[in-house]
Amino acid sequence: MDDKINAYAIHELGKRSNQEDSLYPPASEKAFHGRLFILCDGMGGHAAGEVASQAVCDAMSRYVETHPREDGLFEERDFRAALDAAYDALDRLDTGDEKKMGTTLTFACFHEGGCFTAHIGDSRIYHIRPSEGRILHVTRDHSLVNDLVELGEMTPEEARSSRQKNVITRAMQPNLEHPSQADCVQLTDLKSGDYIYMCSDGMLEEMEDRELVNILSLPQPDARKVRILKEATKENRDNHSAWLIRIESAGGDRQSAPGRMDAAVAAVSRPRGLAILAALVLLVVLGAIILLFRG
């Protein structure tokens, strides 16, 4: 993997009595430099939500980490196999209760071709470029209010305050006849300084996209930006978790590639050398013609 990354975790309880969000790798105060990141927001009541979210994190991470490809790539077929392993893990934990436990999923895997992302539910993945002050990509929430907004039945402002805003239309649950499938996007336009930001819906309780971009665009170290995000969400009621992943250097960057400047100089120098040689030949020929006529 050519990309060098620096990742920080946010894992806050909010006003809840138990933590149903799960992260892979496990949350730590220190920066993480791996290639695989998973965030799950569990549901289903006390204990059940955290069991589901942790089971998915464990099963998917175990599969991906133990099935590396020789070409260094990660594609949708690789993700589908990991997702099947996670559903198998959920099925084994099913208690048979009428109200099934479940979890949302956000998934990001950096590899030789970029960053493969996938999501199920209303936890989000953003690709943000602070150097341009904009969001290049954000996932579409699998939620009732988002569907209503897209149908024109509700405004975005009404959706933010709706009592139905926590009703999701896709989730990972055990022993379903038709398990929810993920929306997958392969991110290839990665540049140094970009962020991949993964978060549960609790992080967005009181934060708009523009505020998020403004925070990540501040001329501050990443550890400081994490503290600002925590401060901005400290009054949130729900559990709220995130991965803030900064791309320190991207394999696709061209300006710092060794040897490219020398090659460019050589490409310019060759045509210039040929032009000088042609001019000398022309002068010799003209000189010969002049001497012939004088003779």
Protein backbone atom coordinates (compact mmCIF):
# COMPACT_ATOMS: atom_id res chain seq x y z
CA MET A 1 0.00 0.00 0.00
CA ASP A 2 1.56 3.27 -1.16
CA ASP A 3 -0.74 5.54 0.86
CA LYS A 4 0.57 6.64 4.27
CA ILE A 5 -2.23 7.37 6.73
CA ASN A 6 -2.67 8.70 10.24
CA ALA A 7 -5.94 7.74 12.00
CA TYR A 8 -7.54 8.80 15.29
CA ALA A 9 -10.56 7.23 17.00
CA ILE A 10 -13.46 8.93 18.76
CA HIS A 11 -15.56 6.66 21.00
CA GLU A 12 -17.94 8.56 23.31
CA LEU A 13 -20.80 7.31 25.50
CA GLY A 14 -23.02 10.40 25.20
CA LYS A 15 -26.01 10.40 27.55
CA ARG A 16 -26.54 6.65 27.20
CA SER A 17 -25.90 4.08 29.94
CA ASN A 18 -24.11 1.60 27.64
CA GLN A 19 -21.88 1.84 24.57
CA GLU A 20 -23.31 0.10 21.49
CA ASP A 21 -20.81 1.52 18.96
CA SER A 22 -17.86 -0.73 18.08
CA LEU A 23 -14.63 0.10 16.28
CA TYR A 24 -11.89 -1.82 14.54
CA PRO A 25 -9.10 -1.38 15.46
CA PRO A 26 -10.20 -0.89 19.09
CA ALA A 27 -10.33 2.76 20.16
CA SER A 28 -7.09 4.23 21.49
CA GLU A 29 -5.74 7.67 22.32
CA LYS A 30 -2.79 7.02 20.02
CA ALA A 31 -2.70 7.43 16.25
CA PHE A 32 -3.17 4.30 14.19
CA HIS A 33 -1.42 3.57 10.89
CA GLY A 34 -3.10 0.40 9.52
CA ARG A 35 -5.13 -0.14 6.36
CA LEU A 36 -8.50 -1.43 7.64
CA PHE A 37 -11.13 0.57 9.56
CA ILE A 38 -14.63 -0.52 10.62
CA LEU A 39 -17.30 1.35 12.59
CA CYS A 40 -20.59 -0.23 13.67
CA ASP A 41 -23.55 1.33 15.53
CA GLY A 42 -25.49 -1.40 17.33
CA MET A 43 -29.23 -1.52 18.00
CA GLY A 44 -31.66 -3.82 19.74
CA GLY A 45 -31.69 -2.72 23.34
CA HIS A 46 -29.30 -3.13 26.24
CA ALA A 47 -26.41 -5.54 25.48
CA ALA A 48 -27.89 -6.81 22.19
CA GLY A 49 -26.70 -3.81 20.17
CA GLU A 50 -23.17 -3.98 21.44
CA VAL A 51 -23.07 -7.75 20.82
CA ALA A 52 -24.11 -7.27 17.18
CA SER A 53 -21.75 -4.39 16.48
CA GLN A 54 -18.77 -6.14 18.08
CA ALA A 55 -19.52 -9.42 16.29
CA VAL A 56 -19.50 -7.69 12.90
CA CYS A 57 -16.27 -5.81 13.65
CA ASP A 58 -14.57 -8.99 14.82
CA ALA A 59 -15.72 -11.23 11.97
CA MET A 60 -15.03 -8.78 9.13
CA SER A 61 -11.63 -7.70 10.43
CA ARG A 62 -10.58 -11.30 11.01
CA TYR A 63 -11.55 -12.29 7.46
CA VAL A 64 -9.85 -9.31 5.77
CA GLU A 65 -6.66 -9.55 7.81
CA THR A 66 -6.31 -13.29 7.13
CA HIS A 67 -7.13 -13.16 3.39
CA PRO A 68 -4.70 -10.66 1.84
CA ARG A 69 -4.42 -10.68 -1.96
CA GLU A 70 -1.07 -11.12 -3.68
CA ASP A 71 -1.71 -8.12 -5.94
CA GLY A 72 -2.39 -5.87 -2.95
CA LEU A 73 -5.87 -4.90 -4.17
CA PHE A 74 -9.22 -5.03 -2.41
CA GLU A 75 -12.40 -5.22 -4.47
CA GLU A 76 -16.12 -5.79 -4.06
CA ARG A 77 -15.80 -9.58 -4.23
CA ASP A 78 -13.35 -9.46 -1.31
CA PHE A 79 -15.77 -7.31 0.68
CA ARG A 80 -18.72 -9.62 -0.07
CA ALA A 81 -16.81 -12.58 1.34
CA ALA A 82 -16.03 -10.61 4.52
CA LEU A 83 -19.68 -9.52 4.78
CA ASP A 84 -20.84 -13.14 4.49
CA ALA A 85 -18.49 -14.05 7.35
CA ALA A 86 -20.06 -11.30 9.46
CA TYR A 87 -23.60 -12.49 8.73
CA ASP A 88 -22.57 -16.03 9.67
CA ALA A 89 -21.28 -14.69 13.00
CA LEU A 90 -24.57 -12.85 13.63
CA ASP A 91 -26.59 -15.97 12.79
CA ARG A 92 -24.69 -17.98 15.40
CA LEU A 93 -25.49 -15.37 18.06
CA ASP A 94 -29.20 -15.13 17.28
CA THR A 95 -31.31 -15.66 20.41
CA GLY A 96 -34.55 -16.12 18.50
CA ASP A 97 -36.10 -13.00 20.04
CA GLU A 98 -38.84 -11.38 17.98
CA LYS A 99 -36.98 -8.07 18.15
CA LYS A 100 -33.70 -8.95 16.50
CA MET A 101 -30.43 -7.29 17.41
CA GLY A 102 -28.64 -5.50 14.62
CA THR A 103 -26.03 -2.97 13.60
CA THR A 104 -25.12 -0.44 10.96
CA LEU A 105 -21.79 -0.78 9.15
CA THR A 106 -19.16 1.53 7.73
CA PHE A 107 -16.07 -0.06 6.23
CA ALA A 108 -12.89 1.35 4.66
CA CYS A 109 -9.91 -0.62 3.38
CA PHE A 110 -6.86 1.12 1.91
CA HIS A 111 -5.07 -0.87 -0.78
CA GLU A 112 -2.86 -0.51 -3.85
CA GLY A 113 -5.74 0.86 -5.94
CA GLY A 114 -7.10 3.43 -3.48
CA CYS A 115 -9.64 3.06 -0.68
CA PHE A 116 -12.58 0.65 -0.86
CA THR A 117 -15.60 1.87 1.14
CA ALA A 118 -18.96 0.29 1.98
CA HIS A 119 -21.88 1.10 4.27
CA ILE A 120 -25.20 -0.22 5.52
CA GLY A 121 -27.52 2.06 7.52
CA ASP A 122 -27.19 5.69 8.55
CA SER A 123 -23.60 5.78 9.77
CA ARG A 124 -21.59 7.76 7.21
CA ILE A 125 -18.32 7.88 5.30
CA TYR A 126 -17.01 11.21 4.02
CA HIS A 127 -14.12 11.96 1.67
CA ILE A 128 -13.11 15.54 2.45
CA ARG A 129 -10.44 17.68 0.78
CA PRO A 130 -9.60 20.59 3.13
CA SER A 131 -7.29 22.19 0.54
CA GLU A 132 -10.42 22.87 -1.54
CA GLY A 133 -12.83 23.23 1.40
CA ARG A 134 -15.25 20.62 0.06
CA ILE A 135 -16.73 17.16 0.38
CA LEU A 136 -15.81 14.95 -2.57
CA HIS A 137 -18.03 12.05 -1.52
CA VAL A 138 -20.49 11.21 1.23
CA THR A 139 -22.58 8.07 1.64
CA ARG A 140 -26.36 8.09 1.24
CA ASP A 141 -28.20 7.35 4.51
CA HIS A 142 -30.38 4.25 4.43
CA SER A 143 -33.09 5.91 6.51
CA LEU A 144 -36.81 6.64 6.31
CA VAL A 145 -36.42 10.41 6.47
CA ASN A 146 -33.78 10.39 3.74
CA ASP A 147 -36.16 8.42 1.49
CA LEU A 148 -38.92 10.95 2.23
CA VAL A 149 -36.61 13.86 1.41
CA GLU A 150 -35.65 12.26 -1.90
CA LEU A 151 -39.34 11.72 -2.71
CA GLY A 152 -40.09 15.38 -1.95
CA GLU A 153 -42.36 14.47 0.99
CA MET A 154 -40.11 16.15 3.56
CA THR A 155 -37.58 18.98 3.55
CA PRO A 156 -34.03 18.49 4.86
CA GLU A 157 -34.88 20.87 7.71
CA GLU A 158 -37.95 18.80 8.65
CA ALA A 159 -35.88 15.61 8.46
CA ARG A 160 -33.37 16.91 11.00
CA SER A 161 -36.06 17.45 13.64
CA SER A 162 -38.34 14.54 12.74
CA ARG A 163 -39.22 11.93 15.38
CA GLN A 164 -38.61 9.32 12.66
CA LYS A 165 -35.03 10.37 11.94
CA ASN A 166 -33.61 7.29 13.70
CA VAL A 167 -35.67 4.83 11.64
CA ILE A 168 -33.27 3.07 9.27
CA THR A 169 -34.20 1.05 6.19
CA ARG A 170 -31.12 -1.19 6.13
CA ALA A 171 -29.22 -2.90 8.94
CA MET A 172 -27.22 -6.07 9.50
CA GLN A 173 -29.41 -8.54 11.42
CA PRO A 174 -29.23 -12.32 11.89
CA ASN A 175 -31.17 -15.01 10.04
CA LEU A 176 -32.98 -12.80 7.55
CA GLU A 177 -34.29 -14.29 4.31
CA HIS A 178 -32.83 -11.34 2.41
CA PRO A 179 -29.88 -9.83 4.34
CA SER A 180 -29.20 -6.15 3.74
CA GLN A 181 -26.50 -5.49 1.20
CA ALA A 182 -24.01 -2.63 1.25
CA ASP A 183 -23.51 0.32 -1.07
CA CYS A 184 -19.88 0.10 -2.22
CA VAL A 185 -17.63 2.85 -3.62
CA GLN A 186 -13.99 2.58 -4.67
CA LEU A 187 -12.25 5.91 -3.92
CA THR A 188 -9.29 6.46 -6.26
CA ASP A 189 -8.89 10.26 -6.29
CA LEU A 190 -6.85 10.39 -3.08
CA LYS A 191 -4.41 13.22 -2.42
CA SER A 192 -2.11 14.16 0.42
CA GLY A 193 -4.05 16.09 3.06
CA ASP A 194 -7.42 14.46 2.29
CA TYR A 195 -9.53 12.93 5.07
CA ILE A 196 -11.68 9.85 5.16
CA TYR A 197 -14.13 10.50 8.02
CA MET A 198 -16.27 7.60 9.24
CA CYS A 199 -18.90 8.29 11.90
CA SER A 200 -22.00 6.95 13.59
CA ASP A 201 -25.14 9.10 13.34
CA GLY A 202 -24.57 10.24 16.92
CA MET A 203 -21.62 12.39 15.78
CA LEU A 204 -23.98 14.30 13.47
CA GLU A 205 -26.65 14.98 16.09
CA GLU A 206 -25.83 18.70 16.25
CA MET A 207 -23.30 19.08 13.42
CA GLU A 208 -23.84 20.13 9.81
CA ASP A 209 -21.59 19.09 6.95
CA ARG A 210 -20.22 22.64 6.55
CA GLU A 211 -19.16 22.76 10.21
CA LEU A 212 -17.37 19.42 9.79
CA VAL A 213 -15.48 20.70 6.74
CA ASN A 214 -14.56 23.91 8.57
CA ILE A 215 -13.13 21.96 11.53
CA LEU A 216 -11.06 19.66 9.31
CA SER A 217 -9.78 22.69 7.34
CA LEU A 218 -8.31 24.38 10.43
CA PRO A 219 -4.50 24.77 10.45
CA GLN A 220 -4.26 22.49 13.48
CA PRO A 221 -2.70 19.05 14.14
CA ASP A 222 -5.05 16.10 13.82
CA ALA A 223 -4.98 15.42 17.56
CA ARG A 224 -6.25 18.97 18.11
CA LYS A 225 -9.03 18.50 15.53
CA VAL A 226 -10.13 15.36 17.36
CA ARG A 227 -10.39 17.37 20.59
CA ILE A 228 -12.45 20.02 18.77
CA LEU A 229 -14.81 17.35 17.40
CA LYS A 230 -15.21 15.86 20.89
CA GLU A 231 -15.90 19.29 22.38
CA ALA A 232 -18.47 20.08 19.68
CA THR A 233 -20.36 16.84 20.37
CA LYS A 234 -19.99 16.53 24.15
CA GLU A 235 -23.70 17.30 24.76
CA ASN A 236 -24.93 14.71 22.24
CA ARG A 237 -27.45 12.27 23.68
CA ASP A 238 -26.55 9.20 21.64
CA ASN A 239 -23.34 7.17 21.60
CA HIS A 240 -21.06 8.84 19.06
CA SER A 241 -17.97 7.38 17.43
CA ALA A 242 -15.74 8.19 14.49
CA TRP A 243 -12.53 7.45 12.63
CA LEU A 244 -10.64 10.53 11.47
CA ILE A 245 -8.22 9.23 8.84
CA ARG A 246 -5.75 11.64 7.26
CA ILE A 247 -3.87 10.71 4.09
CA GLU A 248 -0.35 11.96 4.78
CA SER A 249 0.99 10.96 1.36
CA ALA A 250 -0.90 9.29 -1.46
CA GLY A 251 0.51 6.81 -3.93
CA GLY A 252 -1.19 8.78 -6.71
CA ASP A 253 0.71 12.00 -5.98
CA ARG A 254 3.10 12.84 -8.81
CA GLN A 255 4.96 15.95 -7.70
CA SER A 256 7.21 14.12 -5.25
CA ALA A 257 8.01 11.02 -7.33
CA PRO A 258 11.81 10.52 -7.50
CA GLY A 259 13.46 10.82 -10.87
CA ARG A 260 10.52 12.49 -12.63
CA MET A 261 12.20 15.88 -12.81
CA ASP A 262 15.29 14.41 -14.47
CA ALA A 263 13.11 12.64 -17.02
CA ALA A 264 11.27 15.87 -17.79
CA VAL A 265 14.54 17.75 -18.32
CA ALA A 266 15.78 14.99 -20.64
CA ALA A 267 12.53 15.11 -22.62
CA VAL A 268 12.98 18.85 -23.13
CA SER A 269 16.72 18.59 -23.83
CA ARG A 270 16.46 15.98 -26.60
CA PRO A 271 14.30 18.09 -28.97
CA ARG A 272 16.47 21.14 -28.22
CA GLY A 273 19.64 19.17 -29.08
CA LEU A 274 18.13 17.96 -32.34
CA ALA A 275 17.17 21.50 -33.29
CA ILE A 276 20.74 22.73 -32.70
CA LEU A 277 22.17 19.88 -34.79
CA ALA A 278 19.75 20.65 -37.62
CA ALA A 279 20.75 24.31 -37.56
CA LEU A 280 24.46 23.39 -37.78
CA VAL A 281 23.81 21.10 -40.75
CA LEU A 282 21.88 23.87 -42.49
CA LEU A 283 24.75 26.33 -41.94
CA VAL A 284 27.24 23.86 -43.39
CA VAL A 285 25.07 23.31 -46.47
CA LEU A 286 24.57 27.06 -47.01
CA GLY A 287 28.30 27.61 -46.63
CA ALA A 288 29.02 24.99 -49.25
CA ILE A 289 26.53 26.53 -51.66
CA ILE A 290 28.06 30.00 -51.22
CA LEU A 291 31.58 28.67 -51.87
CA LEU A 292 30.33 26.84 -54.99
CA PHE A 293 28.80 29.97 -56.46
CA ARG A 294 31.92 32.05 -55.64
CA GLY A 295 34.07 29.41 -57.34
